[in-house]
Amino acid sequence: MTPAASRSVAQNKWVSKLMWRCGESVWSEREYWNIKNFTVKMDLGKVHIQLDNLFNGAKVLGKNINKFLNENMNLLVQDLKPGIELA
């Protein structure tokens, strides 16, 4: 993708569940939460991606990459989801 490339991502039904455990601490006479554990679980629903001007504008190659990404987006999301949730 070149710097002049455009892209769009459409996504619906993004559901996130955030959980954390914390304790209170006092520092400089102010109370703070001390986060001990933070967990994120997510479900992205349907995702559609459109990347333009891929491969210096090779339309056939760009069209096929976009088609491949969108037809396999659920597999890509499943593969990337654990790493994103840990980050």
C-alpha atoms as a PDB file:
ATOM      1  CA  MET A   1       0.000   0.000   0.000  1.00  0.00           C
ATOM      2  CA  THR A   2       1.416   3.369  -0.953  1.00  0.00           C
ATOM      3  CA  PRO A   3       1.058   6.518   1.167  1.00  0.00           C
ATOM      4  CA  ALA A   4      -1.640   7.709  -1.245  1.00  0.00           C
ATOM      5  CA  ALA A   5      -3.671   4.523  -0.754  1.00  0.00           C
ATOM      6  CA  SER A   6      -7.096   4.774   0.779  1.00  0.00           C
ATOM      7  CA  ARG A   7      -8.794   2.265   3.002  1.00  0.00           C
ATOM      8  CA  SER A   8     -12.050   1.743   4.795  1.00  0.00           C
ATOM      9  CA  VAL A   9     -13.233  -0.724   7.387  1.00  0.00           C
ATOM     10  CA  ALA A  10     -16.898  -1.236   8.136  1.00  0.00           C
ATOM     11  CA  GLN A  11     -17.831  -3.201  11.225  1.00  0.00           C
ATOM     12  CA  ASN A  12     -21.067  -3.827  13.073  1.00  0.00           C
ATOM     13  CA  LYS A  13     -22.116  -5.497  16.309  1.00  0.00           C
ATOM     14  CA  TRP A  14     -18.829  -4.978  18.141  1.00  0.00           C
ATOM     15  CA  VAL A  15     -19.316  -6.324  21.669  1.00  0.00           C
ATOM     16  CA  SER A  16     -16.597  -5.933  24.276  1.00  0.00           C
ATOM     17  CA  LYS A  17     -16.482  -7.187  27.822  1.00  0.00           C
ATOM     18  CA  LEU A  18     -13.976  -5.468  30.106  1.00  0.00           C
ATOM     19  CA  MET A  19     -13.160  -6.925  33.492  1.00  0.00           C
ATOM     20  CA  TRP A  20     -10.660  -5.704  36.040  1.00  0.00           C
ATOM     21  CA  ARG A  21      -9.637  -6.242  39.618  1.00  0.00           C
ATOM     22  CA  CYS A  22      -8.267  -3.376  41.579  1.00  0.00           C
ATOM     23  CA  GLY A  23      -7.442  -2.200  45.027  1.00  0.00           C
ATOM     24  CA  GLU A  24      -7.299   1.235  46.516  1.00  0.00           C
ATOM     25  CA  SER A  25      -4.097   3.036  47.369  1.00  0.00           C
ATOM     26  CA  VAL A  26      -3.344   6.456  48.802  1.00  0.00           C
ATOM     27  CA  TRP A  27      -0.552   8.623  47.462  1.00  0.00           C
ATOM     28  CA  SER A  28       0.033  12.278  48.330  1.00  0.00           C
ATOM     29  CA  GLU A  29      -3.216  12.275  50.312  1.00  0.00           C
ATOM     30  CA  ARG A  30      -5.241  11.223  47.240  1.00  0.00           C
ATOM     31  CA  GLU A  31      -7.017   7.916  46.691  1.00  0.00           C
ATOM     32  CA  TYR A  32      -6.268   5.917  43.543  1.00  0.00           C
ATOM     33  CA  TRP A  33      -7.302   2.598  42.096  1.00  0.00           C
ATOM     34  CA  ASN A  34      -4.442   0.176  41.742  1.00  0.00           C
ATOM     35  CA  ILE A  35      -5.384  -2.110  38.808  1.00  0.00           C
ATOM     36  CA  LYS A  36      -4.107  -5.638  39.380  1.00  0.00           C
ATOM     37  CA  ASN A  37      -5.735  -7.494  36.496  1.00  0.00           C
ATOM     38  CA  PHE A  38      -7.412  -6.244  33.315  1.00  0.00           C
ATOM     39  CA  THR A  39      -9.136  -8.568  30.822  1.00  0.00           C
ATOM     40  CA  VAL A  40     -10.753  -7.803  27.470  1.00  0.00           C
ATOM     41  CA  LYS A  41     -13.040 -10.189  25.595  1.00  0.00           C
ATOM     42  CA  MET A  42     -14.535  -9.130  22.291  1.00  0.00           C
ATOM     43  CA  ASP A  43     -16.798 -10.244  19.486  1.00  0.00           C
ATOM     44  CA  LEU A  44     -16.469  -8.232  16.284  1.00  0.00           C
ATOM     45  CA  GLY A  45     -19.526  -9.447  14.417  1.00  0.00           C
ATOM     46  CA  LYS A  46     -19.266  -8.760  10.676  1.00  0.00           C
ATOM     47  CA  VAL A  47     -16.259  -6.861   9.304  1.00  0.00           C
ATOM     48  CA  HIS A  48     -15.810  -5.561   5.741  1.00  0.00           C
ATOM     49  CA  ILE A  49     -12.507  -4.087   4.578  1.00  0.00           C
ATOM     50  CA  GLN A  50     -11.708  -2.145   1.395  1.00  0.00           C
ATOM     51  CA  LEU A  51      -8.090  -1.328   0.568  1.00  0.00           C
ATOM     52  CA  ASP A  52      -7.506   0.803  -2.546  1.00  0.00           C
ATOM     53  CA  ASN A  53      -4.379   1.363  -4.637  1.00  0.00           C
ATOM     54  CA  LEU A  54      -2.753  -1.870  -3.509  1.00  0.00           C
ATOM     55  CA  PHE A  55       0.328  -2.997  -5.420  1.00  0.00           C
ATOM     56  CA  ASN A  56       0.790   0.409  -7.090  1.00  0.00           C
ATOM     57  CA  GLY A  57      -2.728   0.395  -8.484  1.00  0.00           C
ATOM     58  CA  ALA A  58      -2.791  -3.128  -9.978  1.00  0.00           C
ATOM     59  CA  LYS A  59      -6.600  -3.345 -10.008  1.00  0.00           C
ATOM     60  CA  VAL A  60      -6.960  -7.098 -10.595  1.00  0.00           C
ATOM     61  CA  LEU A  61      -4.535  -7.965  -7.790  1.00  0.00           C
ATOM     62  CA  GLY A  62      -6.057  -5.390  -5.422  1.00  0.00           C
ATOM     63  CA  LYS A  63      -9.595  -6.561  -6.179  1.00  0.00           C
ATOM     64  CA  ASN A  64      -8.664 -10.181  -5.480  1.00  0.00           C
ATOM     65  CA  ILE A  65      -6.888  -9.318  -2.201  1.00  0.00           C
ATOM     66  CA  ASN A  66      -9.949  -7.365  -1.017  1.00  0.00           C
ATOM     67  CA  LYS A  67     -12.220 -10.243  -2.026  1.00  0.00           C
ATOM     68  CA  PHE A  68      -9.989 -12.765  -0.229  1.00  0.00           C
ATOM     69  CA  LEU A  69      -9.856 -10.638   2.951  1.00  0.00           C
ATOM     70  CA  ASN A  70     -13.620 -10.159   3.064  1.00  0.00           C
ATOM     71  CA  GLU A  71     -14.449 -13.790   2.299  1.00  0.00           C
ATOM     72  CA  ASN A  72     -12.082 -14.954   5.045  1.00  0.00           C
ATOM     73  CA  MET A  73     -12.476 -12.115   7.546  1.00  0.00           C
ATOM     74  CA  ASN A  74     -14.107 -14.344  10.185  1.00  0.00           C
ATOM     75  CA  LEU A  75     -11.066 -16.671  10.074  1.00  0.00           C
ATOM     76  CA  LEU A  76      -8.645 -13.735  10.240  1.00  0.00           C
ATOM     77  CA  VAL A  77     -10.513 -12.242  13.205  1.00  0.00           C
ATOM     78  CA  GLN A  78     -10.511 -15.604  15.029  1.00  0.00           C
ATOM     79  CA  ASP A  79      -6.774 -15.902  14.449  1.00  0.00           C
ATOM     80  CA  LEU A  80      -5.949 -12.330  15.539  1.00  0.00           C
ATOM     81  CA  LYS A  81      -8.492 -12.071  18.389  1.00  0.00           C
ATOM     82  CA  PRO A  82      -6.417 -13.789  21.144  1.00  0.00           C
ATOM     83  CA  GLY A  83      -3.449 -11.477  20.516  1.00  0.00           C
ATOM     84  CA  ILE A  84      -5.632  -8.389  20.460  1.00  0.00           C
ATOM     85  CA  GLU A  85      -7.361  -9.411  23.699  1.00  0.00           C
ATOM     86  CA  LEU A  86      -3.967  -9.923  25.398  1.00  0.00           C
ATOM     87  CA  ALA A  87      -2.484  -6.614  24.203  1.00  0.00           C
END
